[in-house]
Each structure stands twice: as structure tokens, then as C-alpha cells.
C-alpha atoms as a PDB file:
ATOM      1  CA  MET A   1       0.000   0.000   0.000  1.00  0.00           C
ATOM      2  CA  GLN A   2       1.364   3.420  -0.909  1.00  0.00           C
ATOM      3  CA  ASP A   3       2.362   5.637   2.024  1.00  0.00           C
ATOM      4  CA  PRO A   4      -0.085   8.609   1.918  1.00  0.00           C
ATOM      5  CA  ARG A   5       2.728  10.974   2.871  1.00  0.00           C
ATOM      6  CA  TYR A   6       4.192  10.575  -0.611  1.00  0.00           C
ATOM      7  CA  GLY A   7       1.118  11.314  -2.737  1.00  0.00           C
ATOM      8  CA  GLY A   8       2.186  14.794  -3.854  1.00  0.00           C
ATOM      9  CA  SER A   9       2.117  16.674  -7.142  1.00  0.00           C
ATOM     10  CA  VAL A  10       4.522  18.921  -9.010  1.00  0.00           C
ATOM     11  CA  LEU A  11       4.091  22.658  -8.505  1.00  0.00           C
ATOM     12  CA  PRO A  12       2.537  24.226 -11.648  1.00  0.00           C
ATOM     13  CA  ASP A  13       5.052  25.192 -14.321  1.00  0.00           C
ATOM     14  CA  SER A  14       3.553  28.660 -14.415  1.00  0.00           C
ATOM     15  CA  HIS A  15       5.164  29.595 -11.113  1.00  0.00           C
ATOM     16  CA  PRO A  16       7.891  32.102 -12.111  1.00  0.00           C
ATOM     17  CA  TYR A  17      10.456  31.364  -9.424  1.00  0.00           C
ATOM     18  CA  LEU A  18      10.646  27.606  -9.799  1.00  0.00           C
ATOM     19  CA  ARG A  19      10.297  27.757 -13.577  1.00  0.00           C
ATOM     20  CA  ARG A  20      13.488  29.826 -13.643  1.00  0.00           C
ATOM     21  CA  LEU A  21      15.296  27.261 -11.496  1.00  0.00           C
ATOM     22  CA  THR A  22      14.262  24.231 -13.538  1.00  0.00           C
ATOM     23  CA  SER A  23      14.512  25.477 -17.146  1.00  0.00           C
ATOM     24  CA  SER A  24      17.625  24.691 -19.200  1.00  0.00           C
ATOM     25  CA  HIS A  25      18.707  26.295 -22.462  1.00  0.00           C
ATOM     26  CA  VAL A  26      22.314  25.083 -22.603  1.00  0.00           C
ATOM     27  CA  ASP A  27      23.375  22.171 -24.806  1.00  0.00           C
ATOM     28  CA  ARG A  28      26.152  20.398 -22.918  1.00  0.00           C
ATOM     29  CA  HIS A  29      27.117  18.228 -25.934  1.00  0.00           C
ATOM     30  CA  GLY A  30      27.542  15.290 -23.565  1.00  0.00           C
ATOM     31  CA  LEU A  31      28.575  12.808 -26.269  1.00  0.00           C
ATOM     32  CA  GLN A  32      30.878  15.054 -28.285  1.00  0.00           C
ATOM     33  CA  ARG A  33      32.794  16.361 -25.286  1.00  0.00           C
ATOM     34  CA  ARG A  34      34.156  12.851 -24.644  1.00  0.00           C
ATOM     35  CA  ASP A  35      36.297  13.033 -27.796  1.00  0.00           C
ATOM     36  CA  GLU A  36      39.914  13.726 -26.922  1.00  0.00           C
ATOM     37  CA  ASP A  37      40.438  16.611 -29.334  1.00  0.00           C
ATOM     38  CA  TRP A  38      36.947  18.076 -29.293  1.00  0.00           C
ATOM     39  CA  LEU A  39      37.509  20.819 -26.710  1.00  0.00           C
ATOM     40  CA  GLU A  40      40.684  21.938 -28.489  1.00  0.00           C
ATOM     41  CA  SER A  41      38.689  22.429 -31.680  1.00  0.00           C
ATOM     42  CA  ILE A  42      35.940  24.312 -29.828  1.00  0.00           C
ATOM     43  CA  TRP A  43      38.571  26.585 -28.258  1.00  0.00           C
ATOM     44  CA  GLN A  44      39.639  27.688 -31.722  1.00  0.00           C
ATOM     45  CA  GLN A  45      36.150  28.714 -32.858  1.00  0.00           C
ATOM     46  CA  SER A  46      35.280  32.386 -33.157  1.00  0.00           C
ATOM     47  CA  ASP A  47      32.033  32.024 -31.182  1.00  0.00           C
ATOM     48  CA  THR A  48      33.700  30.455 -28.122  1.00  0.00           C
ATOM     49  CA  HIS A  49      33.730  32.503 -24.932  1.00  0.00           C
ATOM     50  CA  VAL A  50      35.571  32.008 -21.640  1.00  0.00           C
ATOM     51  CA  LEU A  51      34.021  32.314 -18.191  1.00  0.00           C
ATOM     52  CA  TYR A  52      36.739  32.873 -15.594  1.00  0.00           C
ATOM     53  CA  VAL A  53      35.862  31.767 -12.069  1.00  0.00           C
ATOM     54  CA  GLU A  54      37.561  32.024  -8.695  1.00  0.00           C
ATOM     55  CA  ARG A  55      36.147  29.729  -5.995  1.00  0.00           C
ATOM     56  CA  GLY A  56      32.677  30.012  -7.480  1.00  0.00           C
ATOM     57  CA  ARG A  57      32.847  33.751  -8.097  1.00  0.00           C
ATOM     58  CA  ALA A  58      32.841  35.413 -11.504  1.00  0.00           C
ATOM     59  CA  LEU A  59      33.224  38.858 -13.029  1.00  0.00           C
ATOM     60  CA  ILE A  60      29.872  40.588 -13.467  1.00  0.00           C
ATOM     61  CA  SER A  61      29.174  43.571 -15.681  1.00  0.00           C
ATOM     62  CA  THR A  62      26.728  45.763 -13.767  1.00  0.00           C
ATOM     63  CA  GLY A  63      25.699  47.784 -16.830  1.00  0.00           C
ATOM     64  CA  GLU A  64      26.357  51.378 -17.740  1.00  0.00           C
ATOM     65  CA  GLN A  65      24.350  54.374 -16.632  1.00  0.00           C
ATOM     66  CA  ALA A  66      21.233  54.914 -18.742  1.00  0.00           C
ATOM     67  CA  GLY A  67      20.998  58.621 -19.540  1.00  0.00           C
ATOM     68  CA  ASP A  68      20.023  60.954 -16.715  1.00  0.00           C
ATOM     69  CA  SER A  69      17.714  58.465 -15.021  1.00  0.00           C
ATOM     70  CA  GLY A  70      20.504  56.873 -13.029  1.00  0.00           C
ATOM     71  CA  GLU A  71      19.178  53.386 -13.838  1.00  0.00           C
ATOM     72  CA  THR A  72      21.618  50.646 -14.679  1.00  0.00           C
ATOM     73  CA  GLY A  73      21.364  47.856 -17.210  1.00  0.00           C
ATOM     74  CA  VAL A  74      20.812  44.167 -16.536  1.00  0.00           C
ATOM     75  CA  PRO A  75      23.888  42.493 -14.977  1.00  0.00           C
ATOM     76  CA  HIS A  76      25.727  40.009 -17.218  1.00  0.00           C
ATOM     77  CA  LEU A  77      28.544  37.511 -16.868  1.00  0.00           C
ATOM     78  CA  GLN A  78      31.833  38.778 -18.222  1.00  0.00           C
ATOM     79  CA  LEU A  79      32.481  36.400 -21.109  1.00  0.00           C
ATOM     80  CA  VAL A  80      35.610  37.007 -23.147  1.00  0.00           C
ATOM     81  CA  PRO A  81      36.785  35.458 -26.439  1.00  0.00           C
ATOM     82  CA  ALA A  82      38.992  32.387 -26.156  1.00  0.00           C
ATOM     83  CA  GLU A  83      42.617  33.264 -26.901  1.00  0.00           C
ATOM     84  CA  GLY A  84      46.002  31.588 -26.609  1.00  0.00           C
ATOM     85  CA  PRO A  85      46.578  27.924 -25.737  1.00  0.00           C
ATOM     86  CA  LEU A  86      43.799  25.851 -24.188  1.00  0.00           C
ATOM     87  CA  PRO A  87      44.312  25.760 -20.370  1.00  0.00           C
ATOM     88  CA  GLU A  88      44.982  22.277 -19.012  1.00  0.00           C
ATOM     89  CA  GLU A  89      41.947  22.169 -16.705  1.00  0.00           C
ATOM     90  CA  ALA A  90      39.492  24.055 -18.903  1.00  0.00           C
ATOM     91  CA  VAL A  91      35.916  22.789 -18.622  1.00  0.00           C
ATOM     92  CA  TYR A  92      33.410  22.809 -21.444  1.00  0.00           C
ATOM     93  CA  LEU A  93      30.112  24.184 -20.108  1.00  0.00           C
ATOM     94  CA  GLY A  94      27.979  24.038 -23.226  1.00  0.00           C
ATOM     95  CA  GLU A  95      26.568  25.913 -26.183  1.00  0.00           C
ATOM     96  CA  VAL A  96      23.871  28.544 -25.942  1.00  0.00           C
ATOM     97  CA  PRO A  97      21.801  28.595 -29.145  1.00  0.00           C
ATOM     98  CA  ALA A  98      21.263  32.049 -30.608  1.00  0.00           C
ATOM     99  CA  GLU A  99      17.531  31.948 -29.854  1.00  0.00           C
ATOM    100  CA  HIS A 100      18.278  31.504 -26.139  1.00  0.00           C
ATOM    101  CA  SER A 101      21.151  33.982 -25.910  1.00  0.00           C
ATOM    102  CA  PRO A 102      20.202  37.070 -23.883  1.00  0.00           C
ATOM    103  CA  LEU A 103      20.739  40.561 -25.272  1.00  0.00           C
ATOM    104  CA  ARG A 104      24.271  41.348 -24.181  1.00  0.00           C
ATOM    105  CA  PRO A 105      26.005  44.738 -23.938  1.00  0.00           C
ATOM    106  CA  ASP A 106      28.173  44.026 -27.005  1.00  0.00           C
ATOM    107  CA  ALA A 107      25.191  42.607 -28.947  1.00  0.00           C
ATOM    108  CA  SER A 108      26.988  39.264 -29.369  1.00  0.00           C
ATOM    109  CA  ALA A 109      25.492  35.804 -28.979  1.00  0.00           C
ATOM    110  CA  ILE A 110      27.063  33.612 -26.299  1.00  0.00           C
ATOM    111  CA  GLY A 111      27.841  30.516 -28.412  1.00  0.00           C
ATOM    112  CA  HIS A 112      30.147  27.940 -26.802  1.00  0.00           C
ATOM    113  CA  VAL A 113      31.338  28.623 -23.228  1.00  0.00           C
ATOM    114  CA  VAL A 114      34.440  27.216 -21.529  1.00  0.00           C
ATOM    115  CA  ALA A 115      35.145  27.721 -17.820  1.00  0.00           C
ATOM    116  CA  VAL A 116      38.667  28.429 -16.595  1.00  0.00           C
ATOM    117  CA  SER A 117      39.486  28.519 -12.883  1.00  0.00           C
ATOM    118  CA  LEU A 118      41.841  31.204 -11.553  1.00  0.00           C
ATOM    119  CA  THR A 119      43.318  31.879  -8.139  1.00  0.00           C
ATOM    120  CA  ASP A 120      42.738  35.602  -8.705  1.00  0.00           C
ATOM    121  CA  LEU A 121      40.123  37.024 -11.066  1.00  0.00           C
ATOM    122  CA  SER A 122      42.291  40.057 -11.725  1.00  0.00           C
ATOM    123  CA  GLU A 123      44.425  37.689 -13.842  1.00  0.00           C
ATOM    124  CA  ALA A 124      41.512  37.054 -16.225  1.00  0.00           C
ATOM    125  CA  HIS A 125      42.893  37.469 -19.735  1.00  0.00           C
ATOM    126  CA  GLY A 126      41.071  39.961 -21.923  1.00  0.00           C
ATOM    127  CA  SER A 127      38.565  40.852 -19.195  1.00  0.00           C
ATOM    128  CA  SER A 128      37.702  44.194 -17.706  1.00  0.00           C
ATOM    129  CA  ALA A 129      38.296  43.149 -14.115  1.00  0.00           C
ATOM    130  CA  ASN A 130      39.280  46.651 -13.074  1.00  0.00           C
ATOM    131  CA  ALA A 131      36.558  48.481 -14.979  1.00  0.00           C
ATOM    132  CA  GLU A 132      34.249  50.799 -13.091  1.00  0.00           C
ATOM    133  CA  ASN A 133      31.102  48.829 -13.929  1.00  0.00           C
ATOM    134  CA  VAL A 134      32.483  45.366 -13.141  1.00  0.00           C
ATOM    135  CA  MET A 135      32.262  43.504  -9.830  1.00  0.00           C
ATOM    136  CA  THR A 136      32.858  39.955  -8.580  1.00  0.00           C
ATOM    137  CA  ALA A 137      29.984  37.896  -7.217  1.00  0.00           C
ATOM    138  CA  ASP A 138      28.727  34.349  -6.750  1.00  0.00           C
ATOM    139  CA  LEU A 139      25.307  32.790  -7.324  1.00  0.00           C
ATOM    140  CA  ARG A 140      24.017  33.658  -3.865  1.00  0.00           C
ATOM    141  CA  ALA A 141      24.462  37.342  -4.559  1.00  0.00           C
ATOM    142  CA  ILE A 142      23.736  37.617  -8.273  1.00  0.00           C
ATOM    143  CA  GLY A 143      21.938  34.498  -9.509  1.00  0.00           C
ATOM    144  CA  HIS A 144      18.430  35.910  -9.256  1.00  0.00           C
ATOM    145  CA  VAL A 145      19.155  38.957 -11.444  1.00  0.00           C
ATOM    146  CA  LEU A 146      21.379  37.407 -14.103  1.00  0.00           C
ATOM    147  CA  PRO A 147      19.684  36.267 -17.302  1.00  0.00           C
ATOM    148  CA  ALA A 148      18.529  32.701 -16.579  1.00  0.00           C
ATOM    149  CA  VAL A 149      20.925  31.058 -19.056  1.00  0.00           C
ATOM    150  CA  GLU A 150      23.884  32.946 -17.568  1.00  0.00           C
ATOM    151  CA  ALA A 151      22.930  31.876 -14.048  1.00  0.00           C
ATOM    152  CA  GLU A 152      22.843  28.334 -15.409  1.00  0.00           C
ATOM    153  CA  LEU A 153      26.348  28.670 -16.868  1.00  0.00           C
ATOM    154  CA  LEU A 154      27.721  30.071 -13.608  1.00  0.00           C
ATOM    155  CA  THR A 155      26.127  27.176 -11.718  1.00  0.00           C
ATOM    156  CA  TYR A 156      27.848  24.636 -13.969  1.00  0.00           C
ATOM    157  CA  ALA A 157      31.163  26.463 -13.718  1.00  0.00           C
ATOM    158  CA  ALA A 158      31.105  26.795  -9.938  1.00  0.00           C
ATOM    159  CA  ALA A 159      30.192  23.151  -9.423  1.00  0.00           C
ATOM    160  CA  VAL A 160      32.700  21.510 -11.733  1.00  0.00           C
ATOM    161  CA  THR A 161      35.687  23.800 -11.021  1.00  0.00           C
ATOM    162  CA  THR A 162      35.190  23.233  -7.298  1.00  0.00           C
ATOM    163  CA  TRP A 163      35.231  19.495  -7.949  1.00  0.00           C
ATOM    164  CA  HIS A 164      38.499  19.797  -9.889  1.00  0.00           C
ATOM    165  CA  ALA A 165      40.092  21.725  -7.033  1.00  0.00           C
ATOM    166  CA  SER A 166      39.520  18.809  -4.630  1.00  0.00           C
ATOM    167  CA  SER A 167      40.101  15.880  -6.986  1.00  0.00           C
ATOM    168  CA  ALA A 168      43.760  15.979  -7.915  1.00  0.00           C
ATOM    169  CA  PHE A 169      44.277  12.536  -6.356  1.00  0.00           C
ATOM    170  CA  CYS A 170      42.500   9.223  -6.812  1.00  0.00           C
ATOM    171  CA  SER A 171      40.243   8.249  -3.901  1.00  0.00           C
ATOM    172  CA  GLY A 172      41.013   4.574  -4.600  1.00  0.00           C
ATOM    173  CA  CYS A 173      44.810   4.390  -4.733  1.00  0.00           C
ATOM    174  CA  GLY A 174      46.015   7.934  -4.067  1.00  0.00           C
ATOM    175  CA  GLY A 175      47.548   8.348  -7.504  1.00  0.00           C
ATOM    176  CA  THR A 176      47.435  11.625  -9.385  1.00  0.00           C
ATOM    177  CA  THR A 177      44.557  12.225 -11.785  1.00  0.00           C
ATOM    178  CA  ARG A 178      44.448  13.953 -15.152  1.00  0.00           C
ATOM    179  CA  VAL A 179      41.603  15.802 -16.840  1.00  0.00           C
ATOM    180  CA  ALA A 180      39.537  14.059 -19.537  1.00  0.00           C
ATOM    181  CA  SER A 181      36.210  14.422 -21.361  1.00  0.00           C
ATOM    182  CA  SER A 182      36.551  18.189 -21.827  1.00  0.00           C
ATOM    183  CA  GLY A 183      36.803  18.706 -18.065  1.00  0.00           C
ATOM    184  CA  TRP A 184      33.992  16.377 -16.955  1.00  0.00           C
ATOM    185  CA  GLU A 185      36.176  13.431 -15.953  1.00  0.00           C
ATOM    186  CA  ARG A 186      39.458  12.800 -14.147  1.00  0.00           C
ATOM    187  CA  THR A 187      41.377   9.600 -14.791  1.00  0.00           C
ATOM    188  CA  CYS A 188      43.881   8.135 -12.354  1.00  0.00           C
ATOM    189  CA  THR A 189      47.314   7.867 -13.942  1.00  0.00           C
ATOM    190  CA  GLN A 190      48.162   4.963 -11.624  1.00  0.00           C
ATOM    191  CA  CYS A 191      45.148   2.600 -11.515  1.00  0.00           C
ATOM    192  CA  GLY A 192      43.110   3.983 -14.422  1.00  0.00           C
ATOM    193  CA  THR A 193      39.952   4.637 -12.405  1.00  0.00           C
ATOM    194  CA  SER A 194      37.650   7.296 -13.841  1.00  0.00           C
ATOM    195  CA  HIS A 195      36.220   9.903 -11.480  1.00  0.00           C
ATOM    196  CA  TYR A 196      33.269  12.208 -12.182  1.00  0.00           C
ATOM    197  CA  PRO A 197      31.737  15.249 -10.472  1.00  0.00           C
ATOM    198  CA  ARG A 198      29.455  14.172  -7.651  1.00  0.00           C
ATOM    199  CA  THR A 199      26.214  15.704  -6.421  1.00  0.00           C
ATOM    200  CA  ASP A 200      24.982  15.563  -2.825  1.00  0.00           C
ATOM    201  CA  PRO A 201      21.152  15.605  -2.693  1.00  0.00           C
ATOM    202  CA  ALA A 202      19.567  17.708   0.021  1.00  0.00           C
ATOM    203  CA  VAL A 203      15.892  18.295   0.751  1.00  0.00           C
ATOM    204  CA  ILE A 204      14.514  21.754   1.503  1.00  0.00           C
ATOM    205  CA  THR A 205      11.011  21.963   2.847  1.00  0.00           C
ATOM    206  CA  ALA A 206       8.266  24.503   3.452  1.00  0.00           C
ATOM    207  CA  VAL A 207       5.991  23.206   6.223  1.00  0.00           C
ATOM    208  CA  ILE A 208       2.289  24.154   5.976  1.00  0.00           C
ATOM    209  CA  ASP A 209      -0.392  23.404   8.559  1.00  0.00           C
ATOM    210  CA  ALA A 210      -4.141  22.804   8.230  1.00  0.00           C
ATOM    211  CA  GLU A 211      -4.807  26.534   8.596  1.00  0.00           C
ATOM    212  CA  ASP A 212      -2.449  27.295   5.690  1.00  0.00           C
ATOM    213  CA  ARG A 213       0.178  28.828   7.948  1.00  0.00           C
ATOM    214  CA  LEU A 214       3.870  28.522   7.088  1.00  0.00           C
ATOM    215  CA  LEU A 215       6.469  27.260   9.545  1.00  0.00           C
ATOM    216  CA  LEU A 216       9.935  28.806   9.274  1.00  0.00           C
ATOM    217  CA  GLY A 217      13.059  28.357  11.356  1.00  0.00           C
ATOM    218  CA  SER A 218      16.035  30.491  12.320  1.00  0.00           C
ATOM    219  CA  ALA A 219      19.316  28.566  12.207  1.00  0.00           C
ATOM    220  CA  GLN A 220      21.965  29.006  14.870  1.00  0.00           C
ATOM    221  CA  ARG A 221      24.553  29.949  12.251  1.00  0.00           C
ATOM    222  CA  TRP A 222      22.493  32.929  11.004  1.00  0.00           C
ATOM    223  CA  GLU A 223      21.603  36.236  12.555  1.00  0.00           C
ATOM    224  CA  SER A 224      18.545  35.818  14.787  1.00  0.00           C
ATOM    225  CA  SER A 225      16.225  37.722  12.442  1.00  0.00           C
ATOM    226  CA  ARG A 226      16.779  35.418   9.451  1.00  0.00           C
ATOM    227  CA  PHE A 227      14.126  32.752   8.906  1.00  0.00           C
ATOM    228  CA  SER A 228      13.924  30.139   6.191  1.00  0.00           C
ATOM    229  CA  THR A 229      12.556  26.732   5.275  1.00  0.00           C
ATOM    230  CA  PHE A 230      14.008  23.523   6.701  1.00  0.00           C
ATOM    231  CA  ALA A 231      16.803  21.658   4.941  1.00  0.00           C
ATOM    232  CA  GLY A 232      19.150  18.742   5.346  1.00  0.00           C
ATOM    233  CA  PHE A 233      21.218  16.237   3.404  1.00  0.00           C
ATOM    234  CA  VAL A 234      19.757  12.905   2.335  1.00  0.00           C
ATOM    235  CA  GLU A 235      21.355  10.078   4.284  1.00  0.00           C
ATOM    236  CA  ALA A 236      22.695   6.856   2.754  1.00  0.00           C
ATOM    237  CA  GLY A 237      19.886   4.500   1.804  1.00  0.00           C
ATOM    238  CA  GLU A 238      17.211   7.144   2.410  1.00  0.00           C
ATOM    239  CA  SER A 239      14.570   8.353  -0.042  1.00  0.00           C
ATOM    240  CA  LEU A 240      13.963  12.051  -0.597  1.00  0.00           C
ATOM    241  CA  GLU A 241      10.527  11.791   1.012  1.00  0.00           C
ATOM    242  CA  ASP A 242      11.889  10.033   4.082  1.00  0.00           C
ATOM    243  CA  ALA A 243      14.531  12.726   4.396  1.00  0.00           C
ATOM    244  CA  VAL A 244      11.813  15.407   4.426  1.00  0.00           C
ATOM    245  CA  VAL A 245       9.900  13.629   7.186  1.00  0.00           C
ATOM    246  CA  ARG A 246      13.043  13.044   9.252  1.00  0.00           C
ATOM    247  CA  GLU A 247      14.528  16.542   8.891  1.00  0.00           C
ATOM    248  CA  VAL A 248      11.289  18.337   9.779  1.00  0.00           C
ATOM    249  CA  GLN A 249      10.803  16.147  12.840  1.00  0.00           C
ATOM    250  CA  GLU A 250      14.419  16.551  13.947  1.00  0.00           C
ATOM    251  CA  GLU A 251      14.645  20.310  13.470  1.00  0.00           C
ATOM    252  CA  ALA A 252      11.097  21.451  14.259  1.00  0.00           C
ATOM    253  CA  GLY A 253       9.491  18.569  16.185  1.00  0.00           C
ATOM    254  CA  ILE A 254       6.673  18.305  13.632  1.00  0.00           C
ATOM    255  CA  VAL A 255       5.180  15.050  12.316  1.00  0.00           C
ATOM    256  CA  VAL A 256       4.671  15.364   8.548  1.00  0.00           C
ATOM    257  CA  GLU A 257       1.559  13.751   7.076  1.00  0.00           C
ATOM    258  CA  ARG A 258       1.991  14.428   3.354  1.00  0.00           C
ATOM    259  CA  VAL A 259       4.911  15.420   1.136  1.00  0.00           C
ATOM    260  CA  GLU A 260       4.449  17.367  -2.108  1.00  0.00           C
ATOM    261  CA  TYR A 261       7.306  17.774  -4.589  1.00  0.00           C
ATOM    262  CA  ALA A 262       7.860  21.344  -5.789  1.00  0.00           C
ATOM    263  CA  GLY A 263      11.075  21.589  -7.818  1.00  0.00           C
ATOM    264  CA  SER A 264      14.850  21.356  -7.618  1.00  0.00           C
ATOM    265  CA  GLN A 265      17.847  23.637  -7.851  1.00  0.00           C
ATOM    266  CA  PRO A 266      21.552  22.893  -8.325  1.00  0.00           C
ATOM    267  CA  TRP A 267      23.396  24.646  -5.522  1.00  0.00           C
ATOM    268  CA  PRO A 268      27.164  24.405  -6.042  1.00  0.00           C
ATOM    269  CA  PHE A 269      28.271  25.289  -2.500  1.00  0.00           C
ATOM    270  CA  PRO A 270      30.102  23.062  -3.039  1.00  0.00           C
ATOM    271  CA  ARG A 271      28.066  20.349  -4.866  1.00  0.00           C
ATOM    272  CA  SER A 272      24.487  20.100  -3.643  1.00  0.00           C
ATOM    273  CA  LEU A 273      21.213  19.510  -5.424  1.00  0.00           C
ATOM    274  CA  MET A 274      18.439  21.168  -3.440  1.00  0.00           C
ATOM    275  CA  VAL A 275      15.181  19.262  -3.891  1.00  0.00           C
ATOM    276  CA  GLY A 276      12.229  21.395  -2.809  1.00  0.00           C
ATOM    277  CA  PHE A 277       9.076  20.111  -1.120  1.00  0.00           C
ATOM    278  CA  PHE A 278       5.965  21.261   0.667  1.00  0.00           C
ATOM    279  CA  ALA A 279       5.312  19.253   3.826  1.00  0.00           C
ATOM    280  CA  HIS A 280       1.709  19.241   5.040  1.00  0.00           C
ATOM    281  CA  THR A 281       0.781  18.612   8.672  1.00  0.00           C
ATOM    282  CA  SER A 282      -1.955  19.026  11.254  1.00  0.00           C
ATOM    283  CA  ASP A 283       0.648  18.967  14.016  1.00  0.00           C
ATOM    284  CA  THR A 284       1.175  22.516  15.307  1.00  0.00           C
ATOM    285  CA  ASN A 285       3.357  21.739  18.321  1.00  0.00           C
ATOM    286  CA  ALA A 286       6.550  22.986  16.740  1.00  0.00           C
ATOM    287  CA  SER A 287       9.721  23.316  18.784  1.00  0.00           C
ATOM    288  CA  ALA A 288      13.301  24.105  17.764  1.00  0.00           C
ATOM    289  CA  ASP A 289      15.934  21.451  18.316  1.00  0.00           C
ATOM    290  CA  ASP A 290      18.267  24.112  19.842  1.00  0.00           C
ATOM    291  CA  GLU A 291      21.213  22.455  18.089  1.00  0.00           C
ATOM    292  CA  GLU A 292      20.793  23.570  14.483  1.00  0.00           C
ATOM    293  CA  ILE A 293      17.647  25.690  14.885  1.00  0.00           C
ATOM    294  CA  ARG A 294      17.292  28.368  17.565  1.00  0.00           C
ATOM    295  CA  GLU A 295      13.667  29.326  16.934  1.00  0.00           C
ATOM    296  CA  VAL A 296      10.665  28.171  14.892  1.00  0.00           C
ATOM    297  CA  ARG A 297       7.593  30.272  14.137  1.00  0.00           C
ATOM    298  CA  TRP A 298       4.255  29.841  12.398  1.00  0.00           C
ATOM    299  CA  PHE A 299       3.306  32.690  10.041  1.00  0.00           C
ATOM    300  CA  THR A 300       0.111  33.767   8.348  1.00  0.00           C
ATOM    301  CA  ARG A 301       0.630  35.764   5.146  1.00  0.00           C
ATOM    302  CA  ARG A 302      -0.229  39.013   6.917  1.00  0.00           C
ATOM    303  CA  GLU A 303       2.143  38.224   9.778  1.00  0.00           C
ATOM    304  CA  LEU A 304       4.994  37.422   7.403  1.00  0.00           C
ATOM    305  CA  ARG A 305       4.385  40.606   5.402  1.00  0.00           C
ATOM    306  CA  ASP A 306       4.324  42.791   8.515  1.00  0.00           C
ATOM    307  CA  GLU A 307       7.443  41.187  10.018  1.00  0.00           C
ATOM    308  CA  VAL A 308       9.439  41.511   6.803  1.00  0.00           C
ATOM    309  CA  VAL A 309       8.359  45.091   6.107  1.00  0.00           C
ATOM    310  CA  SER A 310       9.276  46.112   9.658  1.00  0.00           C
ATOM    311  CA  GLY A 311      12.686  44.458   9.373  1.00  0.00           C
ATOM    312  CA  ALA A 312      12.017  42.038  12.230  1.00  0.00           C
ATOM    313  CA  VAL A 313      12.285  39.059   9.863  1.00  0.00           C
ATOM    314  CA  THR A 314      14.788  38.554   7.037  1.00  0.00           C
ATOM    315  CA  LEU A 315      14.029  36.047   4.284  1.00  0.00           C
ATOM    316  CA  PRO A 316      16.448  33.893   2.210  1.00  0.00           C
ATOM    317  CA  PRO A 317      18.172  35.373  -0.854  1.00  0.00           C
ATOM    318  CA  ARG A 318      16.089  35.488  -4.023  1.00  0.00           C
ATOM    319  CA  SER A 319      18.520  33.157  -5.777  1.00  0.00           C
ATOM    320  CA  ALA A 320      17.674  30.261  -3.419  1.00  0.00           C
ATOM    321  CA  VAL A 321      14.921  27.685  -3.873  1.00  0.00           C
ATOM    322  CA  SER A 322      13.859  28.406  -0.277  1.00  0.00           C
ATOM    323  CA  TYR A 323      12.779  31.879  -1.433  1.00  0.00           C
ATOM    324  CA  ALA A 324      10.803  30.274  -4.273  1.00  0.00           C
ATOM    325  CA  LEU A 325       9.018  27.916  -1.876  1.00  0.00           C
ATOM    326  CA  ILE A 326       8.038  30.767   0.432  1.00  0.00           C
ATOM    327  CA  ALA A 327       6.889  32.871  -2.527  1.00  0.00           C
ATOM    328  CA  ALA A 328       4.784  29.986  -3.849  1.00  0.00           C
ATOM    329  CA  TRP A 329       3.015  29.679  -0.498  1.00  0.00           C
ATOM    330  CA  TYR A 330       2.647  33.470  -0.216  1.00  0.00           C
ATOM    331  CA  GLY A 331       1.031  33.596  -3.626  1.00  0.00           C
ATOM    332  CA  GLY A 332       3.093  36.302  -5.293  1.00  0.00           C
ATOM    333  CA  THR A 333       6.035  38.634  -4.897  1.00  0.00           C
ATOM    334  CA  LEU A 334       7.384  38.558  -1.369  1.00  0.00           C
ATOM    335  CA  PRO A 335       7.464  41.802   0.623  1.00  0.00           C
ATOM    336  CA  GLU A 336      10.624  43.861   1.087  1.00  0.00           C
ATOM    337  CA  PRO A 337      11.804  45.781   4.157  1.00  0.00           C
ATOM    338  CA  ALA A 338      10.412  49.306   4.276  1.00  0.00           C
END
């Protein structure tokens, strides 16, 4: 008999926040990139651009001033033409078809994109790292305002370059590894084992009671005013749904009765996949575990609006799936501090 907790449905595609997180317009060329000389040939093409990253951060063009209004343009990734020899640990991210390429400041299409990791972004060749309208940022800070396809490219770049940085040696024999498959594989030079980027699944959950109130928690590692949904990594041998039930009970003392899938988001800090859910319950006796969570609170929509506007409550960043879950429950654009 099917467990009634798991009889959920996917959030409608029309929801703007989760649609942005789950849409893909990048062709990764997964078969072609395995060819030994393929990335070298892509590097030589005129429509190939380079995305330089430093520990998940990239150069962002903030746009130039628009006349006397003082408004700025839409932020964009700094993508520069590929020049010189192909870097040893370059990673092929994918090709953005012209019809999906956002309108960029130089009016160019994105084309093929290759990620190159640097220890200092000021070393980025051909970039404008020191320009007045350029800053460095990661997905937490900039993902929600970048064009969706550029946020997708930065997600890929952050995830796979972070994996390279920690995978120089084979986990089986300790031998050194070399890059293969256009940056998506490392092969041990000693035992021949192939290693691939790994993803750690984590559940993130908005808890809703029978009165349609939302339960949020404030984690010990945050400032006391910040509240968000509940999250935790999936344990070995555990299903996503079981992880939702366990995490909510551990962190908030609530017994979940039904789990509803909402959507997912890659979160490369360093290699997570955040799988979003709504957890429904009639249990209102919430209590913080005092280890990870300092406080839990039930909110009506009016209460959440008033607390956020007054500055008493701070919500997650817009680039996070937790923000999307809260916005879906709220039914529209979330309030901002006054």
C-alpha cells in the first residue's frame, strides 16, 4: 500500500520562481565532449567565450548608466573570447543557441562557453576586471538577477571547477589524476579509475499546517532575524521523502503527514542539489531542536508581510529555492523591508 505521505504533485510550471530554477537552455554536448580533441577544436572557434571563475565567483558587468535616469542595465557575466593555448583544466560548459542567448552589452550571442578557474580574477585574460562597472559575485548574490541562461552557466562552472580543485588525487589508490572528457572526468594515472563530479542531494522543505500557515526556522549559524525553510542532506539508503519527514521532525518537532514535490535547484556550494518540497501537517506543536535551529515560528501571510516590512524578519536570498518555496506559499512577490 502506498504511504499517503508521498502522494504529492509537481508545482505548476507557471510559477515564475521555480520555472526559472528548472529550465535549461544550454546544450552540454555530452557525447561530443568525450572526444579527446573536441575541446581543443571548440577553443579555436570564433564564437567560443571564456568564463573565468575564482572559488565560485565570476566577473559581473553591472551595466552602464542609462541617460540621466541613473538606472543601470541588466547584470551580465563577463564572457571574453577564447585566446592563446587551451588551459589544461578548462571545462566545457555548453553551447547557448542564438535563440536563447540574452541581449548582451556588445550585442553578441554567447555561443560555446568554456570555464577556466583562476586563483585571482584580476588575472583574467582579456577581461575588464578593473573596470568601473564590473564587480565579482557568486550565485548567492547575483543568480536571481542574471539572465537565466547565464545563471545556469555560472552554476555549472562553480560546481565543476570546485570538484576539480579537490580531486587531484585518486580516492582509490592515491595516484594523481588527469583531466579528460573536456573537463567532466578525471582519470587516475596509476590505476586507471575514472572519477566524475558528484552531487549531494539535500531536501529543503516549506511546512504548511491545516490553517495554511507557514512554519519557518532560524538557524543558529544565522543572525537571529533570518528565517527560512528547513533543509538537510539525504542520508545513505534514504529516499527524498523520508529525508523530508526526518529533517522536519528533527529540526522542528513536527510530524509530517503528506509530502508534495515542488522543484529542484543545483546549488554548487560546493556540490548540492536542493530538492524542494511542501510538507503538510496538522501537528502545530513545533519546537526548535536548539542544536541547528534556535527558533521556529508559524506565520500567516499578513504576519509574514508585517514582520518583513518592519525588518524584524529577514528572508532567504532570491537566488535560493527556499525563497521560491516561500513565494509559492505566499502567492506572489514577497514583501521587502520598508
